[in-house]
Amino acid sequence: MQTVRTAAAASGSETVLYSFCAQQNCADGAAPLANLINVDGVLYGTTLIGGITGCSTNEGCGTVFSFEPGTGAEQVVYAFCSQQSCADGAYPEAALIAVNNMLYGTTEGGGAWGDGTVFALTPDR
């Protein structure tokens, strides 16, 4: 179930802004492990699983997502294992970095030998 609250949290309290796995088969991602980054007021992060199905686990191989705090809108920017044999990577666990209008990160699996990738991604929404 998706939970969105856009009002600012009061001091000392916690507010849930988005709950993952709100879409069928967790197409929006699940299990976010790393820190978020802010790029021009939009937050970006990764989920370990979710996205498109087709991985060996059938849970999805993870996503890069964006989240707009003002509206509560979450969007998958990229779903891993979109390429044959997961050549594009699978299971991103580390935080992204932004350099010159590009997002960079790593995956734990996938790639040419199945041992992970370093990837670059345009954060266009």
C-alpha atoms as a PDB file:
ATOM      1  CA  MET A   1       0.000   0.000   0.000  1.00  0.00           C
ATOM      2  CA  GLN A   2       1.347   3.419  -0.918  1.00  0.00           C
ATOM      3  CA  THR A   3       1.643   5.997   1.821  1.00  0.00           C
ATOM      4  CA  VAL A   4       2.296   9.631   0.948  1.00  0.00           C
ATOM      5  CA  ARG A   5       2.327  12.556   3.320  1.00  0.00           C
ATOM      6  CA  THR A   6       3.708  15.784   1.988  1.00  0.00           C
ATOM      7  CA  ALA A   7       3.402  17.903   5.127  1.00  0.00           C
ATOM      8  CA  ALA A   8       6.663  18.545   6.950  1.00  0.00           C
ATOM      9  CA  ALA A   9       7.278  16.474  10.036  1.00  0.00           C
ATOM     10  CA  ALA A  10       7.129  18.296  13.349  1.00  0.00           C
ATOM     11  CA  SER A  11      10.307  18.430  15.375  1.00  0.00           C
ATOM     12  CA  GLY A  12      11.039  15.088  16.984  1.00  0.00           C
ATOM     13  CA  SER A  13       8.465  13.171  14.955  1.00  0.00           C
ATOM     14  CA  GLU A  14       8.713  10.887  11.948  1.00  0.00           C
ATOM     15  CA  THR A  15       6.546  11.066   8.843  1.00  0.00           C
ATOM     16  CA  VAL A  16       6.350   8.351   6.185  1.00  0.00           C
ATOM     17  CA  LEU A  17       6.532   9.974   2.747  1.00  0.00           C
ATOM     18  CA  TYR A  18       6.405   6.849   0.560  1.00  0.00           C
ATOM     19  CA  SER A  19       6.077   3.098   1.134  1.00  0.00           C
ATOM     20  CA  PHE A  20       7.748   0.898  -1.474  1.00  0.00           C
ATOM     21  CA  CYS A  21       6.181  -2.117  -3.159  1.00  0.00           C
ATOM     22  CA  ALA A  22       3.003  -0.093  -3.752  1.00  0.00           C
ATOM     23  CA  GLN A  23       2.744  -1.313  -7.351  1.00  0.00           C
ATOM     24  CA  GLN A  24       1.967  -4.820  -8.576  1.00  0.00           C
ATOM     25  CA  ASN A  25       4.988  -7.146  -8.341  1.00  0.00           C
ATOM     26  CA  CYS A  26       6.885  -4.294  -6.642  1.00  0.00           C
ATOM     27  CA  ALA A  27       7.466  -2.549  -9.978  1.00  0.00           C
ATOM     28  CA  ASP A  28       8.322   0.609  -7.989  1.00  0.00           C
ATOM     29  CA  GLY A  29      11.139  -1.188  -6.165  1.00  0.00           C
ATOM     30  CA  ALA A  30      11.637  -2.674  -2.728  1.00  0.00           C
ATOM     31  CA  ALA A  31      14.331  -2.778  -0.049  1.00  0.00           C
ATOM     32  CA  PRO A  32      16.043   0.624  -0.341  1.00  0.00           C
ATOM     33  CA  LEU A  33      19.411   0.265   1.423  1.00  0.00           C
ATOM     34  CA  ALA A  34      21.515   3.296   0.515  1.00  0.00           C
ATOM     35  CA  ASN A  35      21.334   7.029   1.211  1.00  0.00           C
ATOM     36  CA  LEU A  36      19.344   9.387  -0.960  1.00  0.00           C
ATOM     37  CA  ILE A  37      20.964  12.192  -2.931  1.00  0.00           C
ATOM     38  CA  ASN A  38      19.448  15.573  -3.803  1.00  0.00           C
ATOM     39  CA  VAL A  39      19.691  16.755  -7.404  1.00  0.00           C
ATOM     40  CA  ASP A  40      17.932  20.068  -7.965  1.00  0.00           C
ATOM     41  CA  GLY A  41      15.313  19.358  -5.302  1.00  0.00           C
ATOM     42  CA  VAL A  42      14.565  15.815  -6.499  1.00  0.00           C
ATOM     43  CA  LEU A  43      15.753  12.895  -4.357  1.00  0.00           C
ATOM     44  CA  TYR A  44      17.341   9.860  -6.037  1.00  0.00           C
ATOM     45  CA  GLY A  45      18.108   6.460  -4.588  1.00  0.00           C
ATOM     46  CA  THR A  46      18.287   2.749  -5.289  1.00  0.00           C
ATOM     47  CA  THR A  47      16.327  -0.310  -4.252  1.00  0.00           C
ATOM     48  CA  LEU A  48      17.993  -3.698  -3.914  1.00  0.00           C
ATOM     49  CA  ILE A  49      15.085  -5.577  -5.491  1.00  0.00           C
ATOM     50  CA  GLY A  50      11.867  -4.807  -7.337  1.00  0.00           C
ATOM     51  CA  GLY A  51      11.456  -3.249 -10.731  1.00  0.00           C
ATOM     52  CA  ILE A  52      10.921  -5.585 -13.645  1.00  0.00           C
ATOM     53  CA  THR A  53      10.662  -9.299 -12.997  1.00  0.00           C
ATOM     54  CA  GLY A  54      12.890 -11.723 -14.809  1.00  0.00           C
ATOM     55  CA  CYS A  55      15.807 -12.075 -12.434  1.00  0.00           C
ATOM     56  CA  SER A  56      16.726 -15.469 -11.081  1.00  0.00           C
ATOM     57  CA  THR A  57      14.824 -14.555  -7.900  1.00  0.00           C
ATOM     58  CA  ASN A  58      11.715 -13.343  -9.795  1.00  0.00           C
ATOM     59  CA  GLU A  59      11.581 -10.354  -7.400  1.00  0.00           C
ATOM     60  CA  GLY A  60      13.175  -7.886  -9.775  1.00  0.00           C
ATOM     61  CA  CYS A  61      16.833  -6.898  -9.759  1.00  0.00           C
ATOM     62  CA  GLY A  62      16.493  -3.425  -8.271  1.00  0.00           C
ATOM     63  CA  THR A  63      15.863   0.106  -9.404  1.00  0.00           C
ATOM     64  CA  VAL A  64      17.113   3.651  -9.479  1.00  0.00           C
ATOM     65  CA  PHE A  65      14.196   5.830  -8.415  1.00  0.00           C
ATOM     66  CA  SER A  66      13.354   9.483  -8.007  1.00  0.00           C
ATOM     67  CA  PHE A  67      11.153  11.007  -5.332  1.00  0.00           C
ATOM     68  CA  GLU A  68       9.716  14.521  -5.314  1.00  0.00           C
ATOM     69  CA  PRO A  69       9.214  15.608  -1.684  1.00  0.00           C
ATOM     70  CA  GLY A  70       6.729  18.352  -2.578  1.00  0.00           C
ATOM     71  CA  THR A  71       4.302  16.048  -4.356  1.00  0.00           C
ATOM     72  CA  GLY A  72       5.145  12.622  -2.938  1.00  0.00           C
ATOM     73  CA  ALA A  73       5.624  11.262  -6.474  1.00  0.00           C
ATOM     74  CA  GLU A  74       7.964   8.285  -6.792  1.00  0.00           C
ATOM     75  CA  GLN A  75       9.123   7.179 -10.231  1.00  0.00           C
ATOM     76  CA  VAL A  76      11.410   4.402 -11.423  1.00  0.00           C
ATOM     77  CA  VAL A  77      14.184   5.995 -13.458  1.00  0.00           C
ATOM     78  CA  TYR A  78      15.767   2.648 -14.357  1.00  0.00           C
ATOM     79  CA  ALA A  79      14.974  -1.007 -13.629  1.00  0.00           C
ATOM     80  CA  PHE A  80      18.012  -3.318 -13.631  1.00  0.00           C
ATOM     81  CA  CYS A  81      18.355  -6.551 -15.558  1.00  0.00           C
ATOM     82  CA  SER A  82      16.624  -4.934 -18.535  1.00  0.00           C
ATOM     83  CA  GLN A  83      19.318  -6.347 -20.811  1.00  0.00           C
ATOM     84  CA  GLN A  84      19.881  -9.976 -21.729  1.00  0.00           C
ATOM     85  CA  SER A  85      21.734 -11.928 -19.013  1.00  0.00           C
ATOM     86  CA  CYS A  86      21.605  -8.797 -16.791  1.00  0.00           C
ATOM     87  CA  ALA A  87      24.523  -7.238 -18.679  1.00  0.00           C
ATOM     88  CA  ASP A  88      23.370  -3.866 -17.271  1.00  0.00           C
ATOM     89  CA  GLY A  89      23.772  -5.030 -13.677  1.00  0.00           C
ATOM     90  CA  ALA A  90      21.591  -6.255 -10.834  1.00  0.00           C
ATOM     91  CA  TYR A  91      21.041  -5.477  -7.153  1.00  0.00           C
ATOM     92  CA  PRO A  92      22.347  -1.939  -6.548  1.00  0.00           C
ATOM     93  CA  GLU A  93      23.289  -1.663  -2.870  1.00  0.00           C
ATOM     94  CA  ALA A  94      25.384   1.509  -2.647  1.00  0.00           C
ATOM     95  CA  ALA A  95      24.390   5.166  -2.793  1.00  0.00           C
ATOM     96  CA  LEU A  96      24.422   7.103  -6.035  1.00  0.00           C
ATOM     97  CA  ILE A  97      26.586  10.128  -6.732  1.00  0.00           C
ATOM     98  CA  ALA A  98      25.769  12.973  -9.122  1.00  0.00           C
ATOM     99  CA  VAL A  99      28.516  14.366 -11.365  1.00  0.00           C
ATOM    100  CA  ASN A 100      27.944  16.710 -14.326  1.00  0.00           C
ATOM    101  CA  ASN A 101      24.224  15.932 -14.675  1.00  0.00           C
ATOM    102  CA  MET A 102      24.772  12.162 -14.514  1.00  0.00           C
ATOM    103  CA  LEU A 103      24.051   9.650 -11.751  1.00  0.00           C
ATOM    104  CA  TYR A 104      26.716   7.028 -11.052  1.00  0.00           C
ATOM    105  CA  GLY A 105      26.489   3.899  -8.965  1.00  0.00           C
ATOM    106  CA  THR A 106      27.382   0.248  -8.626  1.00  0.00           C
ATOM    107  CA  THR A 107      25.555  -3.060  -8.658  1.00  0.00           C
ATOM    108  CA  GLU A 108      26.424  -6.171  -6.696  1.00  0.00           C
ATOM    109  CA  GLY A 109      25.476  -8.559  -9.505  1.00  0.00           C
ATOM    110  CA  GLY A 110      25.057  -8.748 -13.236  1.00  0.00           C
ATOM    111  CA  GLY A 111      27.502  -7.451 -15.778  1.00  0.00           C
ATOM    112  CA  ALA A 112      29.717  -9.436 -18.143  1.00  0.00           C
ATOM    113  CA  TRP A 113      30.814 -11.978 -15.520  1.00  0.00           C
ATOM    114  CA  GLY A 114      27.957 -11.667 -13.040  1.00  0.00           C
ATOM    115  CA  ASP A 115      30.073  -9.855 -10.470  1.00  0.00           C
ATOM    116  CA  GLY A 116      28.559  -6.371 -10.707  1.00  0.00           C
ATOM    117  CA  THR A 117      28.826  -3.167 -12.667  1.00  0.00           C
ATOM    118  CA  VAL A 118      29.627   0.515 -12.431  1.00  0.00           C
ATOM    119  CA  PHE A 119      26.872   2.397 -14.228  1.00  0.00           C
ATOM    120  CA  ALA A 120      26.048   5.916 -15.423  1.00  0.00           C
ATOM    121  CA  LEU A 121      22.493   7.087 -15.832  1.00  0.00           C
ATOM    122  CA  THR A 122      20.863  10.280 -17.041  1.00  0.00           C
ATOM    123  CA  PRO A 123      18.422  11.420 -14.313  1.00  0.00           C
ATOM    124  CA  ASP A 124      15.842  12.744 -16.779  1.00  0.00           C
ATOM    125  CA  ARG A 125      12.322  12.288 -15.477  1.00  0.00           C
END
